[in-house]
Amino acid sequence: MDRYETFATWIFIVFGALIVAGLMAFAIATGDKPAFLFALASGCSAFFLGFAVIFDQPRLYGFILFLSVALIGCSITAIVT
């Protein structure tokens, strides 16, 4: 594995498994459907971050990262309100 593939693998693990799965689990436990859907959309968009790294697309990576962080923020906002 080269450097990009290792970095992409860590992106999959950190976003998908830790942050987004935790938000989805909390939203399911509290019964908050909008928060769950925002977290699910964030997980789906974060999944494509790894492909942007592998194919060396920095603008696409920045856009998808911004979208994923914005959706995480929306999920947290939906949980708080």
PDB file of N, CA and C in Angstrom:
ATOM      1  N   MET A   1       0.835  -1.178   0.000  1.00  0.00           N
ATOM      2  CA  MET A   1       0.000   0.000   0.000  1.00  0.00           C
ATOM      3  C   MET A   1       0.879   1.240   0.000  1.00  0.00           C
ATOM      4  N   ASP A   2       0.558   2.181  -0.845  1.00  0.00           N
ATOM      5  CA  ASP A   2       1.330   3.407  -0.824  1.00  0.00           C
ATOM      6  C   ASP A   2       0.716   4.403   0.161  1.00  0.00           C
ATOM      7  N   ARG A   3       1.264   5.573   0.206  1.00  0.00           N
ATOM      8  CA  ARG A   3       0.869   6.569   1.198  1.00  0.00           C
ATOM      9  C   ARG A   3      -0.590   7.002   1.043  1.00  0.00           C
ATOM     10  N   TYR A   4      -1.043   7.200  -0.186  1.00  0.00           N
ATOM     11  CA  TYR A   4      -2.408   7.649  -0.420  1.00  0.00           C
ATOM     12  C   TYR A   4      -3.434   6.601   0.002  1.00  0.00           C
ATOM     13  N   GLU A   5      -3.156   5.356  -0.284  1.00  0.00           N
ATOM     14  CA  GLU A   5      -4.094   4.299   0.081  1.00  0.00           C
ATOM     15  C   GLU A   5      -4.185   4.139   1.595  1.00  0.00           C
ATOM     16  N   THR A   6      -3.086   4.299   2.285  1.00  0.00           N
ATOM     17  CA  THR A   6      -3.100   4.225   3.744  1.00  0.00           C
ATOM     18  C   THR A   6      -3.904   5.371   4.324  1.00  0.00           C
ATOM     19  N   PHE A   7      -3.694   6.571   3.798  1.00  0.00           N
ATOM     20  CA  PHE A   7      -4.440   7.740   4.254  1.00  0.00           C
ATOM     21  C   PHE A   7      -5.933   7.575   3.975  1.00  0.00           C
ATOM     22  N   ALA A   8      -6.281   7.055   2.813  1.00  0.00           N
ATOM     23  CA  ALA A   8      -7.683   6.835   2.465  1.00  0.00           C
ATOM     24  C   ALA A   8      -8.321   5.798   3.382  1.00  0.00           C
ATOM     25  N   THR A   9      -7.581   4.783   3.727  1.00  0.00           N
ATOM     26  CA  THR A   9      -8.106   3.769   4.640  1.00  0.00           C
ATOM     27  C   THR A   9      -8.398   4.366   6.006  1.00  0.00           C
ATOM     28  N   TRP A  10      -7.512   5.216   6.511  1.00  0.00           N
ATOM     29  CA  TRP A  10      -7.755   5.870   7.799  1.00  0.00           C
ATOM     30  C   TRP A  10      -8.937   6.820   7.739  1.00  0.00           C
ATOM     31  N   ILE A  11      -9.164   7.447   6.593  1.00  0.00           N
ATOM     32  CA  ILE A  11     -10.347   8.304   6.438  1.00  0.00           C
ATOM     33  C   ILE A  11     -11.606   7.461   6.564  1.00  0.00           C
ATOM     34  N   PHE A  12     -11.628   6.304   5.902  1.00  0.00           N
ATOM     35  CA  PHE A  12     -12.780   5.416   6.014  1.00  0.00           C
ATOM     36  C   PHE A  12     -13.032   5.030   7.464  1.00  0.00           C
ATOM     37  N   ILE A  13     -11.972   4.667   8.172  1.00  0.00           N
ATOM     38  CA  ILE A  13     -12.120   4.186   9.540  1.00  0.00           C
ATOM     39  C   ILE A  13     -12.582   5.295  10.466  1.00  0.00           C
ATOM     40  N   VAL A  14     -11.934   6.448  10.426  1.00  0.00           N
ATOM     41  CA  VAL A  14     -12.237   7.515  11.374  1.00  0.00           C
ATOM     42  C   VAL A  14     -13.623   8.089  11.146  1.00  0.00           C
ATOM     43  N   PHE A  15     -13.937   8.476   9.916  1.00  0.00           N
ATOM     44  CA  PHE A  15     -15.246   9.073   9.668  1.00  0.00           C
ATOM     45  C   PHE A  15     -16.361   8.045   9.771  1.00  0.00           C
ATOM     46  N   GLY A  16     -16.196   6.944   9.074  1.00  0.00           N
ATOM     47  CA  GLY A  16     -17.277   5.971   9.008  1.00  0.00           C
ATOM     48  C   GLY A  16     -17.561   5.266  10.311  1.00  0.00           C
ATOM     49  N   ALA A  17     -16.532   4.761  10.942  1.00  0.00           N
ATOM     50  CA  ALA A  17     -16.749   3.905  12.103  1.00  0.00           C
ATOM     51  C   ALA A  17     -16.916   4.691  13.394  1.00  0.00           C
ATOM     52  N   LEU A  18     -16.115   5.690  13.613  1.00  0.00           N
ATOM     53  CA  LEU A  18     -16.129   6.352  14.909  1.00  0.00           C
ATOM     54  C   LEU A  18     -17.140   7.494  14.994  1.00  0.00           C
ATOM     55  N   ILE A  19     -16.966   8.503  14.198  1.00  0.00           N
ATOM     56  CA  ILE A  19     -17.777   9.708  14.332  1.00  0.00           C
ATOM     57  C   ILE A  19     -19.213   9.473  13.865  1.00  0.00           C
ATOM     58  N   VAL A  20     -19.368   9.047  12.642  1.00  0.00           N
ATOM     59  CA  VAL A  20     -20.702   8.946  12.063  1.00  0.00           C
ATOM     60  C   VAL A  20     -21.499   7.804  12.673  1.00  0.00           C
ATOM     61  N   ALA A  21     -20.840   6.680  12.941  1.00  0.00           N
ATOM     62  CA  ALA A  21     -21.553   5.565  13.569  1.00  0.00           C
ATOM     63  C   ALA A  21     -22.004   5.936  14.975  1.00  0.00           C
ATOM     64  N   GLY A  22     -21.204   6.683  15.690  1.00  0.00           N
ATOM     65  CA  GLY A  22     -21.605   7.151  17.016  1.00  0.00           C
ATOM     66  C   GLY A  22     -22.796   8.086  16.953  1.00  0.00           C
ATOM     67  N   LEU A  23     -22.783   8.992  15.994  1.00  0.00           N
ATOM     68  CA  LEU A  23     -23.928   9.893  15.833  1.00  0.00           C
ATOM     69  C   LEU A  23     -25.188   9.123  15.428  1.00  0.00           C
ATOM     70  N   MET A  24     -25.043   8.164  14.530  1.00  0.00           N
ATOM     71  CA  MET A  24     -26.207   7.386  14.115  1.00  0.00           C
ATOM     72  C   MET A  24     -26.743   6.550  15.271  1.00  0.00           C
ATOM     73  N   ALA A  25     -25.859   5.964  16.054  1.00  0.00           N
ATOM     74  CA  ALA A  25     -26.302   5.156  17.191  1.00  0.00           C
ATOM     75  C   ALA A  25     -27.031   6.016  18.222  1.00  0.00           C
ATOM     76  N   PHE A  26     -26.520   7.199  18.488  1.00  0.00           N
ATOM     77  CA  PHE A  26     -27.181   8.086  19.442  1.00  0.00           C
ATOM     78  C   PHE A  26     -28.539   8.535  18.914  1.00  0.00           C
ATOM     79  N   ALA A  27     -28.623   8.834  17.615  1.00  0.00           N
ATOM     80  CA  ALA A  27     -29.892   9.256  17.027  1.00  0.00           C
ATOM     81  C   ALA A  27     -30.918   8.123  17.053  1.00  0.00           C
ATOM     82  N   ILE A  28     -30.478   6.895  16.840  1.00  0.00           N
ATOM     83  CA  ILE A  28     -31.396   5.755  16.917  1.00  0.00           C
ATOM     84  C   ILE A  28     -31.872   5.566  18.350  1.00  0.00           C
ATOM     85  N   ALA A  29     -30.947   5.686  19.305  1.00  0.00           N
ATOM     86  CA  ALA A  29     -31.309   5.474  20.711  1.00  0.00           C
ATOM     87  C   ALA A  29     -32.294   6.521  21.209  1.00  0.00           C
ATOM     88  N   THR A  30     -32.167   7.742  20.719  1.00  0.00           N
ATOM     89  CA  THR A  30     -33.075   8.809  21.153  1.00  0.00           C
ATOM     90  C   THR A  30     -34.295   8.927  20.258  1.00  0.00           C
ATOM     91  N   GLY A  31     -34.325   8.229  19.152  1.00  0.00           N
ATOM     92  CA  GLY A  31     -35.473   8.275  18.247  1.00  0.00           C
ATOM     93  C   GLY A  31     -35.544   9.550  17.425  1.00  0.00           C
ATOM     94  N   ASP A  32     -34.400  10.159  17.157  1.00  0.00           N
ATOM     95  CA  ASP A  32     -34.337  11.410  16.406  1.00  0.00           C
ATOM     96  C   ASP A  32     -34.060  11.097  14.938  1.00  0.00           C
ATOM     97  N   LYS A  33     -35.128  11.068  14.120  1.00  0.00           N
ATOM     98  CA  LYS A  33     -34.996  10.670  12.726  1.00  0.00           C
ATOM     99  C   LYS A  33     -34.183  11.662  11.892  1.00  0.00           C
ATOM    100  N   PRO A  34     -34.405  12.994  11.996  1.00  0.00           N
ATOM    101  CA  PRO A  34     -33.585  13.909  11.187  1.00  0.00           C
ATOM    102  C   PRO A  34     -32.094  13.820  11.504  1.00  0.00           C
ATOM    103  N   ALA A  35     -31.748  13.664  12.783  1.00  0.00           N
ATOM    104  CA  ALA A  35     -30.340  13.542  13.152  1.00  0.00           C
ATOM    105  C   ALA A  35     -29.740  12.275  12.550  1.00  0.00           C
ATOM    106  N   PHE A  36     -30.506  11.195  12.545  1.00  0.00           N
ATOM    107  CA  PHE A  36     -30.022   9.948  11.946  1.00  0.00           C
ATOM    108  C   PHE A  36     -29.797  10.115  10.444  1.00  0.00           C
ATOM    109  N   LEU A  37     -30.725  10.768   9.766  1.00  0.00           N
ATOM    110  CA  LEU A  37     -30.588  10.933   8.323  1.00  0.00           C
ATOM    111  C   LEU A  37     -29.414  11.840   7.968  1.00  0.00           C
ATOM    112  N   PHE A  38     -29.186  12.902   8.757  1.00  0.00           N
ATOM    113  CA  PHE A  38     -28.018  13.749   8.524  1.00  0.00           C
ATOM    114  C   PHE A  38     -26.726  12.965   8.744  1.00  0.00           C
ATOM    115  N   ALA A  39     -26.679  12.153   9.784  1.00  0.00           N
ATOM    116  CA  ALA A  39     -25.489  11.356  10.053  1.00  0.00           C
ATOM    117  C   ALA A  39     -25.271  10.305   8.967  1.00  0.00           C
ATOM    118  N   LEU A  40     -26.351   9.718   8.488  1.00  0.00           N
ATOM    119  CA  LEU A  40     -26.239   8.742   7.401  1.00  0.00           C
ATOM    120  C   LEU A  40     -25.730   9.403   6.119  1.00  0.00           C
ATOM    121  N   ALA A  41     -26.244  10.577   5.805  1.00  0.00           N
ATOM    122  CA  ALA A  41     -25.771  11.308   4.621  1.00  0.00           C
ATOM    123  C   ALA A  41     -24.306  11.702   4.771  1.00  0.00           C
ATOM    124  N   SER A  42     -23.906  12.053   5.979  1.00  0.00           N
ATOM    125  CA  SER A  42     -22.510  12.384   6.222  1.00  0.00           C
ATOM    126  C   SER A  42     -21.630  11.155   6.033  1.00  0.00           C
ATOM    127  N   GLY A  43     -22.096  10.014   6.495  1.00  0.00           N
ATOM    128  CA  GLY A  43     -21.338   8.778   6.304  1.00  0.00           C
ATOM    129  C   GLY A  43     -21.196   8.408   4.836  1.00  0.00           C
ATOM    130  N   CYS A  44     -22.266   8.612   4.086  1.00  0.00           N
ATOM    131  CA  CYS A  44     -22.207   8.313   2.656  1.00  0.00           C
ATOM    132  C   CYS A  44     -21.248   9.252   1.931  1.00  0.00           C
ATOM    133  N   SER A  45     -21.281  10.536   2.293  1.00  0.00           N
ATOM    134  CA  SER A  45     -20.366  11.475   1.640  1.00  0.00           C
ATOM    135  C   SER A  45     -18.927  11.236   2.085  1.00  0.00           C
ATOM    136  N   ALA A  46     -18.729  10.901   3.347  1.00  0.00           N
ATOM    137  CA  ALA A  46     -17.372  10.631   3.835  1.00  0.00           C
ATOM    138  C   ALA A  46     -16.793   9.372   3.210  1.00  0.00           C
ATOM    139  N   PHE A  47     -17.642   8.454   2.799  1.00  0.00           N
ATOM    140  CA  PHE A  47     -17.161   7.249   2.133  1.00  0.00           C
ATOM    141  C   PHE A  47     -16.402   7.606   0.861  1.00  0.00           C
ATOM    142  N   PHE A  48     -16.855   8.641   0.171  1.00  0.00           N
ATOM    143  CA  PHE A  48     -16.225   9.030  -1.090  1.00  0.00           C
ATOM    144  C   PHE A  48     -14.954   9.843  -0.890  1.00  0.00           C
ATOM    145  N   LEU A  49     -14.653  10.249   0.342  1.00  0.00           N
ATOM    146  CA  LEU A  49     -13.398  10.943   0.606  1.00  0.00           C
ATOM    147  C   LEU A  49     -12.200  10.069   0.267  1.00  0.00           C
ATOM    148  N   GLY A  50     -12.297   8.811   0.585  1.00  0.00           N
ATOM    149  CA  GLY A  50     -11.196   7.905   0.286  1.00  0.00           C
ATOM    150  C   GLY A  50     -10.916   7.801  -1.203  1.00  0.00           C
ATOM    151  N   PHE A  51     -11.956   7.797  -1.998  1.00  0.00           N
ATOM    152  CA  PHE A  51     -11.764   7.730  -3.446  1.00  0.00           C
ATOM    153  C   PHE A  51     -11.142   9.015  -3.979  1.00  0.00           C
ATOM    154  N   ALA A  52     -11.510  10.162  -3.395  1.00  0.00           N
ATOM    155  CA  ALA A  52     -10.902  11.423  -3.813  1.00  0.00           C
ATOM    156  C   ALA A  52      -9.413  11.439  -3.497  1.00  0.00           C
ATOM    157  N   VAL A  53      -9.024  10.809  -2.392  1.00  0.00           N
ATOM    158  CA  VAL A  53      -7.600  10.738  -2.045  1.00  0.00           C
ATOM    159  C   VAL A  53      -6.873   9.782  -2.981  1.00  0.00           C
ATOM    160  N   ILE A  54      -7.459   8.623  -3.216  1.00  0.00           N
ATOM    161  CA  ILE A  54      -6.803   7.631  -4.071  1.00  0.00           C
ATOM    162  C   ILE A  54      -6.596   8.172  -5.484  1.00  0.00           C
ATOM    163  N   PHE A  55      -7.576   8.883  -6.023  1.00  0.00           N
ATOM    164  CA  PHE A  55      -7.477   9.404  -7.384  1.00  0.00           C
ATOM    165  C   PHE A  55      -6.855  10.789  -7.441  1.00  0.00           C
ATOM    166  N   ASP A  56      -6.324  11.276  -6.299  1.00  0.00           N
ATOM    167  CA  ASP A  56      -5.585  12.535  -6.221  1.00  0.00           C
ATOM    168  C   ASP A  56      -6.399  13.708  -6.785  1.00  0.00           C
ATOM    169  N   GLN A  57      -7.559  13.937  -6.177  1.00  0.00           N
ATOM    170  CA  GLN A  57      -8.440  15.036  -6.551  1.00  0.00           C
ATOM    171  C   GLN A  57      -8.601  15.976  -5.354  1.00  0.00           C
ATOM    172  N   PRO A  58      -7.692  16.927  -5.164  1.00  0.00           N
ATOM    173  CA  PRO A  58      -7.742  17.741  -3.939  1.00  0.00           C
ATOM    174  C   PRO A  58      -8.967  18.654  -3.850  1.00  0.00           C
ATOM    175  N   ARG A  59      -9.441  19.189  -4.949  1.00  0.00           N
ATOM    176  CA  ARG A  59     -10.639  20.042  -4.893  1.00  0.00           C
ATOM    177  C   ARG A  59     -11.874  19.241  -4.529  1.00  0.00           C
ATOM    178  N   LEU A  60     -11.998  18.074  -5.124  1.00  0.00           N
ATOM    179  CA  LEU A  60     -13.114  17.195  -4.798  1.00  0.00           C
ATOM    180  C   LEU A  60     -13.028  16.761  -3.337  1.00  0.00           C
ATOM    181  N   TYR A  61     -11.816  16.468  -2.867  1.00  0.00           N
ATOM    182  CA  TYR A  61     -11.615  16.097  -1.472  1.00  0.00           C
ATOM    183  C   TYR A  61     -12.067  17.219  -0.549  1.00  0.00           C
ATOM    184  N   GLY A  62     -11.679  18.453  -0.853  1.00  0.00           N
ATOM    185  CA  GLY A  62     -12.076  19.594  -0.026  1.00  0.00           C
ATOM    186  C   GLY A  62     -13.576  19.807  -0.014  1.00  0.00           C
ATOM    187  N   PHE A  63     -14.213  19.665  -1.170  1.00  0.00           N
ATOM    188  CA  PHE A  63     -15.665  19.843  -1.241  1.00  0.00           C
ATOM    189  C   PHE A  63     -16.397  18.768  -0.458  1.00  0.00           C
ATOM    190  N   ILE A  64     -16.000  17.523  -0.634  1.00  0.00           N
ATOM    191  CA  ILE A  64     -16.673  16.427   0.072  1.00  0.00           C
ATOM    192  C   ILE A  64     -16.411  16.510   1.572  1.00  0.00           C
ATOM    193  N   LEU A  65     -15.204  16.899   1.962  1.00  0.00           N
ATOM    194  CA  LEU A  65     -14.900  17.063   3.380  1.00  0.00           C
ATOM    195  C   LEU A  65     -15.760  18.163   3.996  1.00  0.00           C
ATOM    196  N   PHE A  66     -15.909  19.271   3.286  1.00  0.00           N
ATOM    197  CA  PHE A  66     -16.768  20.353   3.761  1.00  0.00           C
ATOM    198  C   PHE A  66     -18.216  19.887   3.879  1.00  0.00           C
ATOM    199  N   LEU A  67     -18.697  19.152   2.883  1.00  0.00           N
ATOM    200  CA  LEU A  67     -20.062  18.637   2.908  1.00  0.00           C
ATOM    201  C   LEU A  67     -20.268  17.677   4.077  1.00  0.00           C
ATOM    202  N   SER A  68     -19.315  16.813   4.306  1.00  0.00           N
ATOM    203  CA  SER A  68     -19.426  15.852   5.399  1.00  0.00           C
ATOM    204  C   SER A  68     -19.422  16.543   6.756  1.00  0.00           C
ATOM    205  N   VAL A  69     -18.552  17.512   6.941  1.00  0.00           N
ATOM    206  CA  VAL A  69     -18.506  18.244   8.208  1.00  0.00           C
ATOM    207  C   VAL A  69     -19.782  19.048   8.408  1.00  0.00           C
ATOM    208  N   ALA A  70     -20.310  19.642   7.338  1.00  0.00           N
ATOM    209  CA  ALA A  70     -21.568  20.390   7.443  1.00  0.00           C
ATOM    210  C   ALA A  70     -22.729  19.471   7.832  1.00  0.00           C
ATOM    211  N   LEU A  71     -22.760  18.271   7.269  1.00  0.00           N
ATOM    212  CA  LEU A  71     -23.817  17.327   7.616  1.00  0.00           C
ATOM    213  C   LEU A  71     -23.673  16.822   9.045  1.00  0.00           C
ATOM    214  N   ILE A  72     -22.446  16.657   9.517  1.00  0.00           N
ATOM    215  CA  ILE A  72     -22.231  16.296  10.920  1.00  0.00           C
ATOM    216  C   ILE A  72     -22.732  17.403  11.816  1.00  0.00           C
ATOM    217  N   GLY A  73     -22.441  18.644  11.430  1.00  0.00           N
ATOM    218  CA  GLY A  73     -22.961  19.784  12.201  1.00  0.00           C
ATOM    219  C   GLY A  73     -24.465  19.832  12.217  1.00  0.00           C
ATOM    220  N   CYS A  74     -25.096  19.523  11.095  1.00  0.00           N
ATOM    221  CA  CYS A  74     -26.561  19.483  11.045  1.00  0.00           C
ATOM    222  C   CYS A  74     -27.105  18.372  11.937  1.00  0.00           C
ATOM    223  N   SER A  75     -26.431  17.243  11.962  1.00  0.00           N
ATOM    224  CA  SER A  75     -26.861  16.142  12.808  1.00  0.00           C
ATOM    225  C   SER A  75     -26.770  16.518  14.292  1.00  0.00           C
ATOM    226  N   ILE A  76     -25.674  17.141  14.662  1.00  0.00           N
ATOM    227  CA  ILE A  76     -25.509  17.569  16.050  1.00  0.00           C
ATOM    228  C   ILE A  76     -26.544  18.624  16.405  1.00  0.00           C
ATOM    229  N   THR A  77     -26.807  19.546  15.493  1.00  0.00           N
ATOM    230  CA  THR A  77     -27.817  20.575  15.725  1.00  0.00           C
ATOM    231  C   THR A  77     -29.201  19.952  15.883  1.00  0.00           C
ATOM    232  N   ALA A  78     -29.506  18.943  15.076  1.00  0.00           N
ATOM    233  CA  ALA A  78     -30.800  18.270  15.180  1.00  0.00           C
ATOM    234  C   ALA A  78     -30.928  17.524  16.506  1.00  0.00           C
ATOM    235  N   ILE A  79     -29.829  17.007  17.027  1.00  0.00           N
ATOM    236  CA  ILE A  79     -29.869  16.312  18.320  1.00  0.00           C
ATOM    237  C   ILE A  79     -30.079  17.317  19.448  1.00  0.00           C
ATOM    238  N   VAL A  80     -29.409  18.446  19.369  1.00  0.00           N
ATOM    239  CA  VAL A  80     -29.478  19.434  20.442  1.00  0.00           C
ATOM    240  C   VAL A  80     -30.848  20.111  20.499  1.00  0.00           C
ATOM    241  N   THR A  81     -31.434  20.370  19.356  1.00  0.00           N
ATOM    242  CA  THR A  81     -32.729  21.076  19.350  1.00  0.00           C
ATOM    243  C   THR A  81     -33.888  20.145  19.500  1.00  0.00           C
TER     244      THR A  81
END
